[in-house]
Amino acid sequence: MIAHDLSCYGINYNVQKADEVIKRVFPNAEYYAEKFIFNELKVIAFIPGDENYDFEINGKKYCGVWTSPYSKLLDSYKKSRNKQISLFDMEE
C-alpha cells in the first residue's frame, strides 16, 4: 500500500498496518512506514485526520507524525510492556 504525500514534496511511502509497537505510542495510527531522514532511519506513523492531513492512503486522509526508529520503539515496548509509554520515555 502507498501513502501519497499531498504536500509540495510529493514523496510516496510504502506503508504497513500499524502493529502493537506503533499503537503503543500512537493509539490512533492505522499505518506506518520507515524512511531514512538525514542519514537516520525514522518511523512515520499515519493517523486519520479530516482537517489536518498531508497524506492519502486508499482515498482516506492522514496526518504523518515522525518518531524514533522502529528498533527503538520495539526496545521500549519490550521494556515497558505493562505500562503506558510516551514519546518522552524514548532514549536517544
N, C-alpha and C. Protein backbone atom coordinates (compact mmCIF):
# COMPACT_ATOMS: atom_id res chain seq x y z
N MET A 1 0.84 -1.17 0.00
CA MET A 1 0.00 0.00 0.00
C MET A 1 0.90 1.24 0.00
N ILE A 2 0.42 2.30 -0.60
CA ILE A 2 1.21 3.53 -0.75
C ILE A 2 0.52 4.71 -0.07
N ALA A 3 1.33 5.49 0.66
CA ALA A 3 0.86 6.76 1.21
C ALA A 3 1.35 7.85 0.25
N HIS A 4 0.41 8.59 -0.32
CA HIS A 4 0.75 9.66 -1.26
C HIS A 4 0.87 10.97 -0.49
N ASP A 5 2.03 11.60 -0.61
CA ASP A 5 2.28 12.88 0.05
C ASP A 5 1.54 13.97 -0.73
N LEU A 6 0.66 14.69 -0.06
CA LEU A 6 -0.13 15.73 -0.70
C LEU A 6 0.52 17.10 -0.58
N SER A 7 1.67 17.17 0.09
CA SER A 7 2.36 18.44 0.23
C SER A 7 3.18 18.73 -1.03
N CYS A 8 3.92 19.77 -0.99
CA CYS A 8 4.73 20.15 -2.16
C CYS A 8 5.90 19.19 -2.39
N TYR A 9 6.21 18.33 -1.41
CA TYR A 9 7.34 17.41 -1.56
C TYR A 9 7.02 16.25 -2.49
N GLY A 10 5.78 15.78 -2.47
CA GLY A 10 5.35 14.73 -3.38
C GLY A 10 6.02 13.39 -3.21
N ILE A 11 6.49 13.08 -2.02
CA ILE A 11 7.15 11.80 -1.75
C ILE A 11 6.10 10.76 -1.38
N ASN A 12 6.24 9.56 -1.91
CA ASN A 12 5.33 8.47 -1.58
C ASN A 12 6.04 7.47 -0.68
N TYR A 13 5.27 6.82 0.20
CA TYR A 13 5.83 5.88 1.17
C TYR A 13 5.11 4.55 1.06
N ASN A 14 5.86 3.46 1.08
CA ASN A 14 5.28 2.12 1.19
C ASN A 14 4.91 1.92 2.66
N VAL A 15 3.65 1.68 2.93
CA VAL A 15 3.19 1.60 4.32
C VAL A 15 2.84 0.18 4.72
N GLN A 16 2.85 -0.03 6.03
CA GLN A 16 2.42 -1.28 6.64
C GLN A 16 1.34 -0.95 7.66
N LYS A 17 0.50 -1.93 7.97
CA LYS A 17 -0.51 -1.74 9.02
C LYS A 17 0.20 -1.48 10.34
N ALA A 18 -0.31 -0.54 11.12
CA ALA A 18 0.26 -0.24 12.43
C ALA A 18 0.07 -1.45 13.34
N ASP A 19 1.14 -1.86 13.99
CA ASP A 19 1.09 -3.01 14.89
C ASP A 19 1.06 -2.52 16.35
N GLU A 20 1.17 -3.46 17.29
CA GLU A 20 1.12 -3.13 18.72
C GLU A 20 2.20 -2.13 19.12
N VAL A 21 3.38 -2.26 18.52
CA VAL A 21 4.50 -1.38 18.86
C VAL A 21 4.18 0.06 18.49
N ILE A 22 3.68 0.28 17.30
CA ILE A 22 3.32 1.62 16.84
C ILE A 22 2.13 2.14 17.64
N LYS A 23 1.12 1.30 17.82
CA LYS A 23 -0.10 1.73 18.52
C LYS A 23 0.15 2.02 19.99
N ARG A 24 1.22 1.48 20.54
CA ARG A 24 1.56 1.77 21.94
C ARG A 24 1.90 3.26 22.11
N VAL A 25 2.53 3.85 21.11
CA VAL A 25 2.90 5.27 21.15
C VAL A 25 1.83 6.14 20.49
N PHE A 26 1.27 5.65 19.38
CA PHE A 26 0.23 6.38 18.64
C PHE A 26 -1.02 5.50 18.54
N PRO A 27 -1.87 5.51 19.56
CA PRO A 27 -3.03 4.59 19.58
C PRO A 27 -3.95 4.72 18.37
N ASN A 28 -4.02 5.88 17.74
CA ASN A 28 -4.92 6.08 16.60
C ASN A 28 -4.26 5.80 15.25
N ALA A 29 -2.99 5.45 15.26
CA ALA A 29 -2.29 5.19 13.99
C ALA A 29 -2.89 3.98 13.29
N GLU A 30 -3.02 4.08 11.99
CA GLU A 30 -3.51 2.95 11.19
C GLU A 30 -2.40 2.32 10.36
N TYR A 31 -1.41 3.13 9.98
CA TYR A 31 -0.30 2.66 9.15
C TYR A 31 0.99 3.30 9.64
N TYR A 32 2.11 2.73 9.16
CA TYR A 32 3.41 3.35 9.40
C TYR A 32 4.36 2.99 8.26
N ALA A 33 5.45 3.75 8.18
CA ALA A 33 6.48 3.49 7.19
C ALA A 33 7.82 3.86 7.81
N GLU A 34 8.89 3.30 7.27
CA GLU A 34 10.24 3.66 7.72
C GLU A 34 10.95 4.37 6.57
N LYS A 35 11.73 5.38 6.91
CA LYS A 35 12.41 6.18 5.89
C LYS A 35 13.68 6.76 6.48
N PHE A 36 14.74 6.80 5.69
CA PHE A 36 15.96 7.47 6.12
C PHE A 36 15.79 8.97 5.98
N ILE A 37 15.97 9.68 7.09
CA ILE A 37 15.91 11.13 7.12
C ILE A 37 17.23 11.62 7.68
N PHE A 38 17.96 12.39 6.90
CA PHE A 38 19.27 12.89 7.32
C PHE A 38 20.15 11.76 7.86
N ASN A 39 20.23 10.68 7.09
CA ASN A 39 21.07 9.51 7.39
C ASN A 39 20.66 8.75 8.64
N GLU A 40 19.44 8.91 9.10
CA GLU A 40 18.95 8.16 10.24
C GLU A 40 17.58 7.58 9.90
N LEU A 41 17.41 6.29 10.19
CA LEU A 41 16.14 5.63 9.92
C LEU A 41 15.10 6.08 10.92
N LYS A 42 13.97 6.57 10.44
CA LYS A 42 12.88 7.06 11.28
C LYS A 42 11.59 6.37 10.88
N VAL A 43 10.59 6.44 11.77
CA VAL A 43 9.26 5.93 11.51
C VAL A 43 8.32 7.11 11.33
N ILE A 44 7.44 7.00 10.36
CA ILE A 44 6.36 7.96 10.22
C ILE A 44 5.06 7.18 10.43
N ALA A 45 4.29 7.62 11.42
CA ALA A 45 3.00 6.99 11.73
C ALA A 45 1.91 7.80 11.04
N PHE A 46 0.94 7.12 10.47
CA PHE A 46 -0.15 7.78 9.75
C PHE A 46 -1.43 7.69 10.58
N ILE A 47 -1.93 8.85 10.98
CA ILE A 47 -3.10 8.97 11.84
C ILE A 47 -4.22 9.63 11.05
N PRO A 48 -5.43 9.06 11.06
CA PRO A 48 -6.53 9.66 10.30
C PRO A 48 -6.77 11.11 10.72
N GLY A 49 -7.04 11.96 9.73
CA GLY A 49 -7.31 13.36 10.03
C GLY A 49 -8.15 14.00 8.95
N ASP A 50 -9.27 14.56 9.35
CA ASP A 50 -10.15 15.21 8.38
C ASP A 50 -9.73 16.65 8.09
N GLU A 51 -9.21 17.33 9.10
CA GLU A 51 -8.83 18.74 8.92
C GLU A 51 -7.34 18.91 8.70
N ASN A 52 -6.54 18.26 9.53
CA ASN A 52 -5.09 18.36 9.41
C ASN A 52 -4.56 17.08 8.78
N TYR A 53 -4.27 17.14 7.51
CA TYR A 53 -3.76 15.96 6.83
C TYR A 53 -2.75 16.37 5.79
N ASP A 54 -1.83 15.47 5.51
CA ASP A 54 -0.84 15.72 4.46
C ASP A 54 -0.54 14.48 3.63
N PHE A 55 -1.28 13.39 3.88
CA PHE A 55 -1.11 12.16 3.13
C PHE A 55 -2.46 11.56 2.79
N GLU A 56 -2.45 10.72 1.74
CA GLU A 56 -3.65 10.00 1.35
C GLU A 56 -3.28 8.53 1.14
N ILE A 57 -4.06 7.65 1.77
CA ILE A 57 -3.89 6.21 1.60
C ILE A 57 -5.26 5.64 1.25
N ASN A 58 -5.36 5.04 0.08
CA ASN A 58 -6.63 4.47 -0.40
C ASN A 58 -7.79 5.45 -0.30
N GLY A 59 -7.55 6.70 -0.66
CA GLY A 59 -8.60 7.71 -0.69
C GLY A 59 -8.95 8.32 0.66
N LYS A 60 -8.28 7.89 1.74
CA LYS A 60 -8.54 8.42 3.07
C LYS A 60 -7.39 9.34 3.48
N LYS A 61 -7.70 10.44 4.16
CA LYS A 61 -6.70 11.44 4.54
C LYS A 61 -6.03 11.09 5.87
N TYR A 62 -4.72 11.34 5.96
CA TYR A 62 -3.93 11.03 7.15
C TYR A 62 -2.94 12.14 7.44
N CYS A 63 -2.66 12.28 8.72
CA CYS A 63 -1.59 13.15 9.20
C CYS A 63 -0.38 12.26 9.45
N GLY A 64 0.79 12.70 9.03
CA GLY A 64 2.01 11.93 9.27
C GLY A 64 2.78 12.49 10.45
N VAL A 65 3.18 11.62 11.37
CA VAL A 65 3.92 12.04 12.56
C VAL A 65 5.22 11.24 12.62
N TRP A 66 6.35 11.97 12.62
CA TRP A 66 7.66 11.32 12.66
C TRP A 66 8.05 10.98 14.08
N THR A 67 8.75 9.87 14.25
CA THR A 67 9.22 9.45 15.56
C THR A 67 10.51 8.64 15.43
N SER A 68 10.91 8.02 16.50
CA SER A 68 12.15 7.23 16.57
C SER A 68 12.12 6.04 15.62
N PRO A 69 13.29 5.45 15.36
CA PRO A 69 13.33 4.24 14.54
C PRO A 69 12.52 3.11 15.16
N TYR A 70 12.03 2.22 14.33
CA TYR A 70 11.21 1.10 14.81
C TYR A 70 11.96 0.28 15.84
N SER A 71 13.25 0.08 15.65
CA SER A 71 14.03 -0.73 16.60
C SER A 71 13.99 -0.13 18.00
N LYS A 72 14.05 1.19 18.12
CA LYS A 72 13.97 1.84 19.44
C LYS A 72 12.55 1.75 20.01
N LEU A 73 11.57 1.88 19.16
CA LEU A 73 10.19 1.72 19.63
C LEU A 73 9.97 0.30 20.15
N LEU A 74 10.52 -0.68 19.43
CA LEU A 74 10.38 -2.07 19.83
C LEU A 74 11.09 -2.33 21.16
N ASP A 75 12.29 -1.80 21.32
CA ASP A 75 13.01 -1.98 22.59
C ASP A 75 12.21 -1.39 23.75
N SER A 76 11.69 -0.20 23.58
CA SER A 76 10.90 0.45 24.63
C SER A 76 9.62 -0.34 24.90
N TYR A 77 9.04 -0.88 23.85
CA TYR A 77 7.82 -1.69 24.00
C TYR A 77 8.10 -2.92 24.85
N LYS A 78 9.20 -3.59 24.57
CA LYS A 78 9.55 -4.80 25.30
C LYS A 78 9.85 -4.50 26.77
N LYS A 79 10.52 -3.37 27.03
CA LYS A 79 10.89 -2.99 28.40
C LYS A 79 9.68 -2.58 29.22
N SER A 80 8.70 -2.01 28.56
CA SER A 80 7.58 -1.44 29.32
C SER A 80 6.25 -2.03 28.88
N ARG A 81 6.24 -3.30 28.66
CA ARG A 81 5.04 -3.98 28.15
C ARG A 81 3.82 -3.75 29.03
N ASN A 82 4.02 -3.56 30.33
CA ASN A 82 2.89 -3.43 31.25
C ASN A 82 2.60 -2.00 31.70
N LYS A 83 3.26 -1.02 31.11
CA LYS A 83 2.97 0.36 31.49
C LYS A 83 2.77 1.20 30.24
N GLN A 84 2.10 2.33 30.41
CA GLN A 84 1.85 3.24 29.29
C GLN A 84 3.16 3.89 28.88
N ILE A 85 3.42 3.97 27.59
CA ILE A 85 4.64 4.57 27.08
C ILE A 85 4.31 5.87 26.36
N SER A 86 5.21 6.80 26.42
CA SER A 86 5.03 8.05 25.68
C SER A 86 6.32 8.33 24.91
N LEU A 87 6.28 9.30 24.04
CA LEU A 87 7.47 9.67 23.27
C LEU A 87 8.58 10.13 24.21
N PHE A 88 8.25 10.66 25.38
CA PHE A 88 9.24 11.16 26.29
C PHE A 88 9.98 10.03 27.02
N ASP A 89 9.49 8.80 26.91
CA ASP A 89 10.16 7.66 27.51
C ASP A 89 11.28 7.10 26.63
N MET A 90 11.33 7.56 25.38
CA MET A 90 12.31 7.04 24.43
C MET A 90 13.70 7.54 24.79
N GLU A 91 14.69 6.64 24.65
CA GLU A 91 16.07 7.05 24.85
C GLU A 91 16.68 7.35 23.51
N GLU A 92 17.45 8.38 23.44
CA GLU A 92 18.13 8.75 22.19
C GLU A 92 19.52 8.17 22.15
